Amino acid sequence: EKSIDNWSLKVVNTIISANKIFSFSMDSFLNEDRAGMHRTLNLNEEINKKSRKQKDKIIQTISSVKQLDVDSGYFYIQINDYQREIAHSLNLLTVPLHEHRENQYKTFNASQVDDIRMVVSEIDTYFNFALHIVKEEKFESLDEWMNQKISILETLEQIEKGQIARIKNKEVDVRNSLLFFKAMAEIKNLLAHVVSLLKSYHGFIMVNRKSG
């Protein structure tokens, strides 16, 4: 039981860190806050180091922890994989934003800022719901939570269409558009990895409860 609590805490920390890094990097970028962007990169490096370290020790953990049988070991590997993917996705999101800001390229216009802030707000709600599911083991709420993801994807679709309209109207340059679409694509990847993490964690808890 203690081991399950320990792994639950790691998943909780991944969700909290991912939400913090995502929202903080977006806010810092939109506010042209260079110090904030640097702090975000440092936070991102921390989550990358932790996920790498955990993954490096995965074989040792499976072989030494009696509680991990074949079924729970399978889900344990998946959890580690998706934690690593989340860290990687955050890196692919934050570094280009940081580089754009450091090079003092043109900032996002007012309509782009409004769009991004709307997405950040929706994703904050999404992450907090995920946190609630893991902490309280409210796995019966997974379908409702997944519907939130569908809603966010619909928002992203509208936002991307808005960006295409800006391109058509010559409101934005090529560099702006490439960064904007890259951010949208990485947000989708991040959402998908968080879903996979929760599904794997659910499987891990279920097989451990059965064997316990």
N, C-alpha and C. Protein backbone atom coordinates (compact mmCIF):
# COMPACT_ATOMS: atom_id res chain seq x y z
N GLU A 1 0.83 -1.21 0.00
CA GLU A 1 0.00 0.00 0.00
C GLU A 1 0.87 1.26 0.00
N LYS A 2 1.95 1.20 0.79
CA LYS A 2 2.85 2.35 0.86
C LYS A 2 3.46 2.65 -0.51
N SER A 3 3.80 1.59 -1.24
CA SER A 3 4.38 1.76 -2.57
C SER A 3 3.38 2.41 -3.52
N ILE A 4 2.11 1.97 -3.44
CA ILE A 4 1.07 2.57 -4.29
C ILE A 4 0.94 4.06 -3.98
N ASP A 5 0.94 4.41 -2.70
CA ASP A 5 0.85 5.82 -2.31
C ASP A 5 2.02 6.61 -2.88
N ASN A 6 3.18 6.00 -2.86
CA ASN A 6 4.39 6.65 -3.37
C ASN A 6 4.27 6.91 -4.87
N TRP A 7 3.79 5.92 -5.62
CA TRP A 7 3.64 6.09 -7.08
C TRP A 7 2.49 7.05 -7.41
N SER A 8 1.47 7.03 -6.56
CA SER A 8 0.37 7.99 -6.74
C SER A 8 0.90 9.42 -6.61
N LEU A 9 1.77 9.62 -5.63
CA LEU A 9 2.35 10.95 -5.40
C LEU A 9 3.16 11.40 -6.61
N LYS A 10 3.88 10.47 -7.23
CA LYS A 10 4.68 10.82 -8.42
C LYS A 10 3.79 11.26 -9.58
N VAL A 11 2.67 10.58 -9.74
CA VAL A 11 1.72 10.96 -10.80
C VAL A 11 1.11 12.32 -10.49
N VAL A 12 0.74 12.52 -9.23
CA VAL A 12 0.19 13.81 -8.79
C VAL A 12 1.19 14.93 -9.08
N ASN A 13 2.45 14.70 -8.72
CA ASN A 13 3.49 15.72 -8.92
C ASN A 13 3.71 16.01 -10.40
N THR A 14 3.60 14.98 -11.24
CA THR A 14 3.74 15.19 -12.69
C THR A 14 2.64 16.10 -13.21
N ILE A 15 1.40 15.86 -12.77
CA ILE A 15 0.25 16.66 -13.22
C ILE A 15 0.39 18.11 -12.74
N ILE A 16 0.76 18.29 -11.47
CA ILE A 16 0.93 19.64 -10.91
C ILE A 16 2.04 20.39 -11.66
N SER A 17 3.18 19.72 -11.86
CA SER A 17 4.32 20.34 -12.55
C SER A 17 3.97 20.70 -13.99
N ALA A 18 3.29 19.78 -14.68
CA ALA A 18 2.94 20.03 -16.08
C ALA A 18 2.03 21.24 -16.21
N ASN A 19 1.04 21.33 -15.33
CA ASN A 19 0.12 22.47 -15.37
C ASN A 19 0.85 23.78 -15.07
N LYS A 20 1.72 23.73 -14.07
CA LYS A 20 2.48 24.92 -13.67
C LYS A 20 3.39 25.39 -14.80
N ILE A 21 4.14 24.45 -15.39
CA ILE A 21 5.07 24.81 -16.48
C ILE A 21 4.30 25.33 -17.69
N PHE A 22 3.21 24.64 -18.04
CA PHE A 22 2.42 25.06 -19.21
C PHE A 22 1.86 26.47 -19.02
N SER A 23 1.14 26.69 -17.92
CA SER A 23 0.47 27.99 -17.72
C SER A 23 1.49 29.11 -17.51
N PHE A 24 2.57 28.80 -16.78
CA PHE A 24 3.59 29.80 -16.49
C PHE A 24 4.35 30.20 -17.75
N SER A 25 4.65 29.22 -18.61
CA SER A 25 5.38 29.54 -19.85
C SER A 25 4.52 30.39 -20.78
N MET A 26 3.24 30.04 -20.87
CA MET A 26 2.33 30.81 -21.73
C MET A 26 2.14 32.23 -21.21
N ASP A 27 1.92 32.35 -19.90
CA ASP A 27 1.73 33.68 -19.30
C ASP A 27 2.99 34.53 -19.47
N SER A 28 4.15 33.93 -19.20
CA SER A 28 5.42 34.67 -19.32
C SER A 28 5.65 35.13 -20.75
N PHE A 29 5.32 34.25 -21.70
CA PHE A 29 5.50 34.60 -23.11
C PHE A 29 4.57 35.76 -23.50
N LEU A 30 3.30 35.65 -23.13
CA LEU A 30 2.33 36.68 -23.50
C LEU A 30 2.62 38.01 -22.81
N ASN A 31 3.17 37.94 -21.59
CA ASN A 31 3.49 39.17 -20.85
C ASN A 31 4.89 39.71 -21.16
N GLU A 32 5.57 39.04 -22.11
CA GLU A 32 6.95 39.41 -22.48
C GLU A 32 7.85 39.47 -21.26
N ASP A 33 7.69 38.47 -20.40
CA ASP A 33 8.44 38.39 -19.14
C ASP A 33 9.62 37.42 -19.33
N ARG A 34 10.80 37.97 -19.61
CA ARG A 34 11.97 37.13 -19.88
C ARG A 34 12.41 36.35 -18.65
N ALA A 35 12.35 36.99 -17.50
CA ALA A 35 12.73 36.31 -16.24
C ALA A 35 11.80 35.12 -15.99
N GLY A 36 10.51 35.33 -16.27
CA GLY A 36 9.53 34.26 -16.11
C GLY A 36 9.81 33.10 -17.05
N MET A 37 10.20 33.43 -18.29
CA MET A 37 10.53 32.38 -19.27
C MET A 37 11.73 31.56 -18.79
N HIS A 38 12.74 32.24 -18.22
CA HIS A 38 13.92 31.54 -17.70
C HIS A 38 13.53 30.59 -16.57
N ARG A 39 12.66 31.06 -15.68
CA ARG A 39 12.21 30.23 -14.56
C ARG A 39 11.46 28.99 -15.08
N THR A 40 10.68 29.21 -16.12
CA THR A 40 9.94 28.10 -16.73
C THR A 40 10.89 27.04 -17.28
N LEU A 41 11.95 27.49 -17.95
CA LEU A 41 12.93 26.55 -18.50
C LEU A 41 13.60 25.74 -17.39
N ASN A 42 13.88 26.40 -16.26
CA ASN A 42 14.48 25.71 -15.12
C ASN A 42 13.53 24.66 -14.54
N LEU A 43 12.25 25.03 -14.41
CA LEU A 43 11.24 24.08 -13.93
C LEU A 43 11.14 22.89 -14.87
N ASN A 44 11.19 23.19 -16.17
CA ASN A 44 11.09 22.15 -17.18
C ASN A 44 12.28 21.20 -17.12
N GLU A 45 13.46 21.77 -16.85
CA GLU A 45 14.66 20.94 -16.74
C GLU A 45 14.56 20.00 -15.54
N GLU A 46 13.95 20.49 -14.47
CA GLU A 46 13.76 19.66 -13.26
C GLU A 46 12.88 18.45 -13.55
N ILE A 47 11.73 18.70 -14.22
CA ILE A 47 10.81 17.60 -14.51
C ILE A 47 11.45 16.63 -15.52
N ASN A 48 12.27 17.14 -16.42
CA ASN A 48 12.99 16.27 -17.36
C ASN A 48 14.00 15.38 -16.64
N LYS A 49 14.74 15.97 -15.70
CA LYS A 49 15.73 15.20 -14.93
C LYS A 49 15.05 14.10 -14.12
N LYS A 50 13.94 14.45 -13.45
CA LYS A 50 13.22 13.48 -12.62
C LYS A 50 12.70 12.32 -13.46
N SER A 51 12.10 12.64 -14.61
CA SER A 51 11.52 11.58 -15.46
C SER A 51 12.62 10.70 -16.05
N ARG A 52 13.76 11.31 -16.39
CA ARG A 52 14.90 10.53 -16.92
C ARG A 52 15.45 9.58 -15.86
N LYS A 53 15.61 10.12 -14.65
CA LYS A 53 16.15 9.33 -13.53
C LYS A 53 15.24 8.15 -13.21
N GLN A 54 13.93 8.43 -13.21
CA GLN A 54 12.94 7.39 -12.92
C GLN A 54 12.99 6.30 -13.99
N LYS A 55 13.12 6.74 -15.23
CA LYS A 55 13.13 5.77 -16.34
C LYS A 55 14.41 4.92 -16.31
N ASP A 56 15.53 5.55 -15.93
CA ASP A 56 16.80 4.83 -15.85
C ASP A 56 16.77 3.72 -14.80
N LYS A 57 15.96 3.93 -13.75
CA LYS A 57 15.90 2.97 -12.64
C LYS A 57 14.77 1.95 -12.80
N ILE A 58 14.07 1.99 -13.93
CA ILE A 58 12.83 1.22 -14.07
C ILE A 58 13.05 -0.30 -13.97
N ILE A 59 14.11 -0.81 -14.60
CA ILE A 59 14.37 -2.26 -14.57
C ILE A 59 14.72 -2.70 -13.15
N GLN A 60 15.54 -1.91 -12.50
CA GLN A 60 15.94 -2.19 -11.12
C GLN A 60 14.71 -2.24 -10.20
N THR A 61 13.80 -1.28 -10.41
CA THR A 61 12.58 -1.21 -9.58
C THR A 61 11.71 -2.44 -9.78
N ILE A 62 11.49 -2.80 -11.05
CA ILE A 62 10.63 -3.96 -11.35
C ILE A 62 11.22 -5.25 -10.77
N SER A 63 12.53 -5.40 -10.84
CA SER A 63 13.15 -6.63 -10.36
C SER A 63 13.23 -6.69 -8.83
N SER A 64 13.26 -5.52 -8.17
CA SER A 64 13.48 -5.53 -6.72
C SER A 64 12.21 -5.36 -5.88
N VAL A 65 11.14 -4.79 -6.45
CA VAL A 65 9.92 -4.54 -5.68
C VAL A 65 8.96 -5.72 -5.86
N LYS A 66 8.74 -6.47 -4.79
CA LYS A 66 7.90 -7.66 -4.85
C LYS A 66 6.47 -7.34 -5.27
N GLN A 67 6.00 -6.16 -4.88
CA GLN A 67 4.61 -5.78 -5.16
C GLN A 67 4.34 -5.68 -6.67
N LEU A 68 5.40 -5.43 -7.44
CA LEU A 68 5.22 -5.31 -8.88
C LEU A 68 5.25 -6.69 -9.54
N ASP A 69 4.06 -7.24 -9.81
CA ASP A 69 3.99 -8.50 -10.56
C ASP A 69 4.01 -8.16 -12.05
N VAL A 70 3.74 -9.15 -12.88
CA VAL A 70 3.81 -8.92 -14.34
C VAL A 70 2.81 -7.85 -14.78
N ASP A 71 1.56 -7.92 -14.29
CA ASP A 71 0.53 -6.97 -14.72
C ASP A 71 0.81 -5.55 -14.22
N SER A 72 1.10 -5.42 -12.93
CA SER A 72 1.35 -4.08 -12.40
C SER A 72 2.67 -3.52 -12.94
N GLY A 73 3.64 -4.42 -13.19
CA GLY A 73 4.91 -4.00 -13.78
C GLY A 73 4.71 -3.40 -15.17
N TYR A 74 3.79 -4.00 -15.92
CA TYR A 74 3.46 -3.50 -17.26
C TYR A 74 2.94 -2.06 -17.19
N PHE A 75 1.98 -1.83 -16.27
CA PHE A 75 1.42 -0.48 -16.14
C PHE A 75 2.44 0.50 -15.56
N TYR A 76 3.32 0.00 -14.70
CA TYR A 76 4.36 0.84 -14.12
C TYR A 76 5.29 1.38 -15.22
N ILE A 77 5.64 0.51 -16.17
CA ILE A 77 6.48 0.94 -17.30
C ILE A 77 5.75 2.00 -18.13
N GLN A 78 4.45 1.77 -18.37
CA GLN A 78 3.67 2.74 -19.14
C GLN A 78 3.60 4.10 -18.46
N ILE A 79 3.36 4.08 -17.14
CA ILE A 79 3.31 5.33 -16.37
C ILE A 79 4.61 6.11 -16.55
N ASN A 80 5.73 5.41 -16.43
CA ASN A 80 7.03 6.06 -16.61
C ASN A 80 7.20 6.62 -18.02
N ASP A 81 6.76 5.85 -19.01
CA ASP A 81 6.86 6.30 -20.40
C ASP A 81 6.09 7.59 -20.62
N TYR A 82 4.86 7.65 -20.09
CA TYR A 82 4.02 8.83 -20.33
C TYR A 82 4.48 10.04 -19.51
N GLN A 83 5.06 9.79 -18.34
CA GLN A 83 5.65 10.90 -17.59
C GLN A 83 6.80 11.51 -18.39
N ARG A 84 7.57 10.64 -19.02
CA ARG A 84 8.69 11.09 -19.87
C ARG A 84 8.18 11.85 -21.08
N GLU A 85 7.10 11.36 -21.69
CA GLU A 85 6.52 12.02 -22.87
C GLU A 85 5.97 13.40 -22.52
N ILE A 86 5.36 13.51 -21.34
CA ILE A 86 4.84 14.81 -20.89
C ILE A 86 5.98 15.81 -20.74
N ALA A 87 7.07 15.37 -20.10
CA ALA A 87 8.24 16.24 -19.91
C ALA A 87 8.81 16.67 -21.26
N HIS A 88 8.88 15.71 -22.20
CA HIS A 88 9.41 16.00 -23.54
C HIS A 88 8.51 16.99 -24.29
N SER A 89 7.21 16.79 -24.17
CA SER A 89 6.24 17.67 -24.83
C SER A 89 6.34 19.10 -24.30
N LEU A 90 6.49 19.23 -22.99
CA LEU A 90 6.63 20.56 -22.38
C LEU A 90 7.90 21.24 -22.87
N ASN A 91 8.93 20.45 -23.06
CA ASN A 91 10.20 20.98 -23.57
C ASN A 91 10.02 21.53 -24.99
N LEU A 92 9.32 20.75 -25.82
CA LEU A 92 9.09 21.17 -27.22
C LEU A 92 8.17 22.39 -27.31
N LEU A 93 7.43 22.64 -26.23
CA LEU A 93 6.54 23.80 -26.19
C LEU A 93 7.27 25.04 -25.67
N THR A 94 8.01 24.88 -24.57
CA THR A 94 8.60 26.04 -23.89
C THR A 94 9.85 26.59 -24.59
N VAL A 95 10.68 25.71 -25.12
CA VAL A 95 11.94 26.18 -25.73
C VAL A 95 11.70 27.11 -26.93
N PRO A 96 10.83 26.74 -27.90
CA PRO A 96 10.58 27.67 -29.01
C PRO A 96 9.99 29.02 -28.57
N LEU A 97 9.12 29.00 -27.54
CA LEU A 97 8.58 30.27 -27.01
C LEU A 97 9.71 31.12 -26.44
N HIS A 98 10.59 30.48 -25.70
CA HIS A 98 11.73 31.18 -25.10
C HIS A 98 12.64 31.77 -26.18
N GLU A 99 12.94 30.97 -27.20
CA GLU A 99 13.83 31.42 -28.28
C GLU A 99 13.22 32.60 -29.05
N HIS A 100 11.91 32.52 -29.28
CA HIS A 100 11.20 33.60 -29.98
C HIS A 100 11.33 34.91 -29.18
N ARG A 101 11.15 34.79 -27.86
CA ARG A 101 11.22 35.96 -27.00
C ARG A 101 12.65 36.50 -26.92
N GLU A 102 13.64 35.59 -26.78
CA GLU A 102 15.05 35.99 -26.67
C GLU A 102 15.52 36.72 -27.94
N ASN A 103 15.02 36.27 -29.08
CA ASN A 103 15.41 36.89 -30.35
C ASN A 103 14.62 38.16 -30.66
N GLN A 104 13.72 38.47 -29.73
CA GLN A 104 12.90 39.70 -29.83
C GLN A 104 12.13 39.78 -31.15
N TYR A 105 11.61 38.61 -31.55
CA TYR A 105 10.75 38.61 -32.72
C TYR A 105 9.40 39.24 -32.36
N LYS A 106 8.61 39.51 -33.37
CA LYS A 106 7.32 40.17 -33.18
C LYS A 106 6.42 39.39 -32.22
N THR A 107 5.80 40.11 -31.29
CA THR A 107 4.93 39.45 -30.30
C THR A 107 3.58 39.09 -30.93
N PHE A 108 2.82 38.27 -30.22
CA PHE A 108 1.48 37.91 -30.68
C PHE A 108 0.57 39.14 -30.61
N ASN A 109 -0.38 39.23 -31.54
CA ASN A 109 -1.31 40.37 -31.50
C ASN A 109 -2.44 40.11 -30.51
N ALA A 110 -3.30 41.12 -30.33
CA ALA A 110 -4.34 41.05 -29.28
C ALA A 110 -5.27 39.85 -29.43
N SER A 111 -5.68 39.54 -30.66
CA SER A 111 -6.61 38.42 -30.86
C SER A 111 -5.93 37.08 -30.57
N GLN A 112 -4.63 36.96 -30.88
CA GLN A 112 -3.88 35.75 -30.57
C GLN A 112 -3.75 35.58 -29.05
N VAL A 113 -3.47 36.68 -28.38
CA VAL A 113 -3.33 36.65 -26.91
C VAL A 113 -4.65 36.21 -26.27
N ASP A 114 -5.75 36.73 -26.76
CA ASP A 114 -7.08 36.32 -26.23
C ASP A 114 -7.30 34.82 -26.43
N ASP A 115 -6.95 34.33 -27.61
CA ASP A 115 -7.12 32.91 -27.92
C ASP A 115 -6.29 32.03 -26.98
N ILE A 116 -5.02 32.40 -26.80
CA ILE A 116 -4.12 31.61 -25.96
C ILE A 116 -4.60 31.62 -24.51
N ARG A 117 -5.03 32.79 -24.02
CA ARG A 117 -5.49 32.88 -22.63
C ARG A 117 -6.73 32.00 -22.41
N MET A 118 -7.58 31.92 -23.40
CA MET A 118 -8.77 31.07 -23.30
C MET A 118 -8.37 29.59 -23.18
N VAL A 119 -7.39 29.17 -23.99
CA VAL A 119 -6.91 27.79 -23.94
C VAL A 119 -6.24 27.49 -22.60
N VAL A 120 -5.41 28.41 -22.12
CA VAL A 120 -4.72 28.22 -20.84
C VAL A 120 -5.73 28.01 -19.72
N SER A 121 -6.81 28.78 -19.74
CA SER A 121 -7.85 28.66 -18.72
C SER A 121 -8.53 27.29 -18.80
N GLU A 122 -8.86 26.85 -20.00
CA GLU A 122 -9.52 25.54 -20.18
C GLU A 122 -8.60 24.39 -19.75
N ILE A 123 -7.31 24.52 -20.06
CA ILE A 123 -6.37 23.46 -19.73
C ILE A 123 -6.09 23.42 -18.23
N ASP A 124 -6.13 24.58 -17.59
CA ASP A 124 -5.98 24.63 -16.13
C ASP A 124 -7.11 23.82 -15.47
N THR A 125 -8.32 24.02 -15.95
CA THR A 125 -9.48 23.26 -15.43
C THR A 125 -9.30 21.77 -15.69
N TYR A 126 -8.81 21.43 -16.87
CA TYR A 126 -8.57 20.04 -17.28
C TYR A 126 -7.54 19.36 -16.36
N PHE A 127 -6.43 20.05 -16.09
CA PHE A 127 -5.40 19.51 -15.21
C PHE A 127 -5.91 19.35 -13.78
N ASN A 128 -6.67 20.33 -13.30
CA ASN A 128 -7.20 20.24 -11.94
C ASN A 128 -8.18 19.09 -11.77
N PHE A 129 -8.96 18.82 -12.79
CA PHE A 129 -9.89 17.69 -12.77
C PHE A 129 -9.09 16.38 -12.75
N ALA A 130 -8.01 16.32 -13.55
CA ALA A 130 -7.14 15.14 -13.58
C ALA A 130 -6.55 14.89 -12.19
N LEU A 131 -6.15 15.97 -11.55
CA LEU A 131 -5.57 15.90 -10.20
C LEU A 131 -6.58 15.32 -9.21
N HIS A 132 -7.81 15.78 -9.31
CA HIS A 132 -8.89 15.31 -8.45
C HIS A 132 -9.12 13.80 -8.65
N ILE A 133 -9.12 13.36 -9.90
CA ILE A 133 -9.33 11.94 -10.22
C ILE A 133 -8.24 11.07 -9.59
N VAL A 134 -6.99 11.51 -9.71
CA VAL A 134 -5.88 10.72 -9.18
C VAL A 134 -5.87 10.73 -7.65
N LYS A 135 -5.99 11.91 -7.08
CA LYS A 135 -5.92 12.02 -5.61
C LYS A 135 -7.04 11.27 -4.91
N GLU A 136 -8.24 11.39 -5.45
CA GLU A 136 -9.42 10.78 -4.81
C GLU A 136 -9.78 9.41 -5.40
N GLU A 137 -9.01 8.98 -6.40
CA GLU A 137 -9.29 7.73 -7.13
C GLU A 137 -10.73 7.71 -7.65
N LYS A 138 -11.12 8.83 -8.26
CA LYS A 138 -12.47 8.98 -8.82
C LYS A 138 -12.46 8.55 -10.29
N PHE A 139 -12.09 7.30 -10.53
CA PHE A 139 -11.94 6.84 -11.91
C PHE A 139 -13.26 6.77 -12.67
N GLU A 140 -14.37 6.78 -11.93
CA GLU A 140 -15.68 6.82 -12.60
C GLU A 140 -15.89 8.15 -13.33
N SER A 141 -15.05 9.15 -13.01
CA SER A 141 -15.16 10.47 -13.66
C SER A 141 -14.29 10.60 -14.91
N LEU A 142 -13.60 9.51 -15.27
CA LEU A 142 -12.69 9.57 -16.43
C LEU A 142 -13.41 9.98 -17.72
N ASP A 143 -14.61 9.44 -17.95
CA ASP A 143 -15.35 9.78 -19.18
C ASP A 143 -15.69 11.26 -19.23
N GLU A 144 -16.14 11.79 -18.09
CA GLU A 144 -16.48 13.22 -18.01
C GLU A 144 -15.23 14.06 -18.29
N TRP A 145 -14.11 13.62 -17.71
CA TRP A 145 -12.84 14.33 -17.91
C TRP A 145 -12.40 14.27 -19.37
N MET A 146 -12.60 13.10 -20.00
CA MET A 146 -12.24 12.95 -21.41
C MET A 146 -13.07 13.87 -22.30
N ASN A 147 -14.31 14.12 -21.90
CA ASN A 147 -15.16 15.05 -22.63
C ASN A 147 -14.60 16.47 -22.59
N GLN A 148 -13.93 16.80 -21.48
CA GLN A 148 -13.26 18.11 -21.39
C GLN A 148 -12.17 18.23 -22.44
N LYS A 149 -11.45 17.12 -22.65
CA LYS A 149 -10.39 17.13 -23.66
C LYS A 149 -11.00 17.37 -25.05
N ILE A 150 -12.11 16.71 -25.35
CA ILE A 150 -12.79 16.90 -26.64
C ILE A 150 -13.17 18.36 -26.82
N SER A 151 -13.68 18.96 -25.75
CA SER A 151 -14.07 20.37 -25.79
C SER A 151 -12.87 21.28 -26.06
N ILE A 152 -11.73 20.96 -25.42
CA ILE A 152 -10.51 21.76 -25.65
C ILE A 152 -10.04 21.62 -27.10
N LEU A 153 -10.11 20.40 -27.63
CA LEU A 153 -9.71 20.18 -29.03
C LEU A 153 -10.59 20.97 -29.99
N GLU A 154 -11.87 21.09 -29.66
CA GLU A 154 -12.79 21.91 -30.48
C GLU A 154 -12.40 23.38 -30.41
N THR A 155 -12.01 23.83 -29.21
CA THR A 155 -11.53 25.21 -29.04
C THR A 155 -10.27 25.43 -29.88
N LEU A 156 -9.35 24.47 -29.82
CA LEU A 156 -8.10 24.59 -30.59
C LEU A 156 -8.38 24.64 -32.09
N GLU A 157 -9.35 23.87 -32.53
CA GLU A 157 -9.71 23.89 -33.96
C GLU A 157 -10.17 25.29 -34.38
N GLN A 158 -11.03 25.90 -33.57
CA GLN A 158 -11.51 27.26 -33.86
C GLN A 158 -10.37 28.27 -33.86
N ILE A 159 -9.45 28.10 -32.90
CA ILE A 159 -8.31 29.01 -32.78
C ILE A 159 -7.38 28.89 -34.00
N GLU A 160 -7.18 27.66 -34.46
CA GLU A 160 -6.32 27.46 -35.63
C GLU A 160 -6.97 28.05 -36.89
N LYS A 161 -8.28 27.93 -36.98
CA LYS A 161 -8.99 28.56 -38.11
C LYS A 161 -8.86 30.08 -38.04
N GLY A 162 -8.90 30.60 -36.81
CA GLY A 162 -8.71 32.05 -36.63
C GLY A 162 -7.34 32.49 -37.09
N GLN A 163 -6.33 31.65 -36.83
CA GLN A 163 -4.97 31.98 -37.26
C GLN A 163 -4.86 31.94 -38.79
N ILE A 164 -5.55 30.98 -39.40
CA ILE A 164 -5.55 30.91 -40.87
C ILE A 164 -6.17 32.18 -41.45
N ALA A 165 -7.23 32.67 -40.81
CA ALA A 165 -7.87 33.93 -41.25
C ALA A 165 -6.89 35.09 -41.13
N ARG A 166 -6.09 35.10 -40.06
CA ARG A 166 -5.10 36.18 -39.87
C ARG A 166 -4.04 36.13 -40.97
N ILE A 167 -3.64 34.91 -41.35
CA ILE A 167 -2.65 34.74 -42.43
C ILE A 167 -3.23 35.29 -43.73
N LYS A 168 -4.48 34.93 -44.00
CA LYS A 168 -5.15 35.39 -45.22
C LYS A 168 -5.25 36.93 -45.26
N ASN A 169 -5.49 37.50 -44.07
CA ASN A 169 -5.65 38.97 -43.98
C ASN A 169 -4.33 39.70 -43.81
N LYS A 170 -3.22 38.93 -43.92
CA LYS A 170 -1.86 39.52 -43.79
C LYS A 170 -1.65 40.22 -42.44
N GLU A 171 -2.29 39.68 -41.39
CA GLU A 171 -2.14 40.27 -40.05
C GLU A 171 -0.91 39.74 -39.32
N VAL A 172 -0.40 38.58 -39.76
CA VAL A 172 0.72 37.93 -39.07
C VAL A 172 1.77 37.51 -40.08
N ASP A 173 3.04 37.41 -39.60
CA ASP A 173 4.10 36.97 -40.52
C ASP A 173 4.33 35.46 -40.40
N VAL A 174 5.24 34.95 -41.20
CA VAL A 174 5.50 33.51 -41.27
C VAL A 174 6.01 32.98 -39.92
N ARG A 175 6.97 33.70 -39.33
CA ARG A 175 7.56 33.25 -38.06
C ARG A 175 6.50 33.14 -36.97
N ASN A 176 5.64 34.14 -36.91
CA ASN A 176 4.53 34.16 -35.94
C ASN A 176 3.65 32.93 -36.13
N SER A 177 3.29 32.65 -37.37
CA SER A 177 2.38 31.54 -37.67
C SER A 177 3.00 30.19 -37.36
N LEU A 178 4.28 30.02 -37.70
CA LEU A 178 4.96 28.75 -37.43
C LEU A 178 4.99 28.47 -35.93
N LEU A 179 5.30 29.50 -35.14
CA LEU A 179 5.33 29.35 -33.68
C LEU A 179 3.93 29.04 -33.14
N PHE A 180 2.96 29.75 -33.65
CA PHE A 180 1.57 29.58 -33.19
C PHE A 180 1.08 28.15 -33.44
N PHE A 181 1.29 27.65 -34.66
CA PHE A 181 0.82 26.29 -34.98
C PHE A 181 1.64 25.22 -34.26
N LYS A 182 2.92 25.50 -34.04
CA LYS A 182 3.75 24.55 -33.28
C LYS A 182 3.23 24.43 -31.85
N ALA A 183 2.88 25.57 -31.26
CA ALA A 183 2.33 25.57 -29.90
C ALA A 183 1.02 24.80 -29.85
N MET A 184 0.16 25.01 -30.82
CA MET A 184 -1.13 24.31 -30.86
C MET A 184 -0.92 22.78 -30.98
N ALA A 185 0.01 22.39 -31.84
CA ALA A 185 0.29 20.95 -32.04
C ALA A 185 0.83 20.33 -30.76
N GLU A 186 1.71 21.04 -30.07
CA GLU A 186 2.31 20.49 -28.86
C GLU A 186 1.31 20.43 -27.70
N ILE A 187 0.37 21.38 -27.69
CA ILE A 187 -0.71 21.35 -26.68
C ILE A 187 -1.53 20.07 -26.87
N LYS A 188 -1.84 19.73 -28.13
CA LYS A 188 -2.60 18.49 -28.41
C LYS A 188 -1.82 17.26 -27.94
N ASN A 189 -0.51 17.25 -28.20
CA ASN A 189 0.33 16.13 -27.75
C ASN A 189 0.32 16.02 -26.23
N LEU A 190 0.43 17.16 -25.57
CA LEU A 190 0.44 17.20 -24.10
C LEU A 190 -0.86 16.63 -23.54
N LEU A 191 -1.98 17.05 -24.10
CA LEU A 191 -3.29 16.54 -23.65
C LEU A 191 -3.37 15.02 -23.83
N ALA A 192 -2.90 14.53 -24.96
CA ALA A 192 -2.95 13.09 -25.25
C ALA A 192 -2.08 12.30 -24.27
N HIS A 193 -0.90 12.81 -23.94
CA HIS A 193 0.00 12.12 -23.02
C HIS A 193 -0.57 12.08 -21.60
N VAL A 194 -1.26 13.15 -21.20
CA VAL A 194 -1.88 13.18 -19.87
C VAL A 194 -3.01 12.15 -19.80
N VAL A 195 -3.78 12.03 -20.87
CA VAL A 195 -4.84 11.00 -20.93
C VAL A 195 -4.22 9.61 -20.80
N SER A 196 -3.16 9.36 -21.54
CA SER A 196 -2.50 8.04 -21.49
C SER A 196 -1.94 7.76 -20.10
N LEU A 197 -1.40 8.80 -19.45
CA LEU A 197 -0.87 8.65 -18.09
C LEU A 197 -1.97 8.22 -17.13
N LEU A 198 -3.12 8.89 -17.19
CA LEU A 198 -4.21 8.58 -16.27
C LEU A 198 -4.79 7.19 -16.54
N LYS A 199 -4.90 6.81 -17.80
CA LYS A 199 -5.41 5.47 -18.13
C LYS A 199 -4.46 4.40 -17.60
N SER A 200 -3.17 4.61 -17.76
CA SER A 200 -2.18 3.64 -17.26
C SER A 200 -2.20 3.59 -15.74
N TYR A 201 -2.33 4.75 -15.12
CA TYR A 201 -2.38 4.80 -13.66
C TYR A 201 -3.62 4.07 -13.14
N HIS A 202 -4.73 4.26 -13.84
CA HIS A 202 -5.98 3.57 -13.48
C HIS A 202 -5.76 2.05 -13.55
N GLY A 203 -5.15 1.58 -14.63
CA GLY A 203 -4.85 0.16 -14.78
C GLY A 203 -3.94 -0.35 -13.67
N PHE A 204 -2.94 0.45 -13.34
CA PHE A 204 -1.99 0.10 -12.28
C PHE A 204 -2.70 -0.06 -10.93
N ILE A 205 -3.58 0.88 -10.60
CA ILE A 205 -4.33 0.82 -9.34
C ILE A 205 -5.25 -0.40 -9.32
N MET A 206 -5.93 -0.65 -10.44
CA MET A 206 -6.89 -1.77 -10.49
C MET A 206 -6.20 -3.12 -10.27
N VAL A 207 -5.07 -3.36 -10.95
CA VAL A 207 -4.41 -4.67 -10.78
C VAL A 207 -3.79 -4.81 -9.39
N ASN A 208 -3.35 -3.70 -8.82
CA ASN A 208 -2.78 -3.75 -7.48
C ASN A 208 -3.86 -4.01 -6.42
N ARG A 209 -5.03 -3.42 -6.64
CA ARG A 209 -6.15 -3.63 -5.70
C ARG A 209 -6.59 -5.11 -5.74
N LYS A 210 -6.59 -5.68 -6.95
CA LYS A 210 -7.01 -7.09 -7.11
C LYS A 210 -6.02 -8.02 -6.40
N SER A 211 -4.72 -7.75 -6.66
CA SER A 211 -3.70 -8.64 -6.07
C SER A 211 -3.58 -8.42 -4.56
N GLY A 212 -3.95 -7.17 -4.12
CA GLY A 212 -3.87 -6.88 -2.68
C GLY A 212 -5.03 -7.49 -1.95
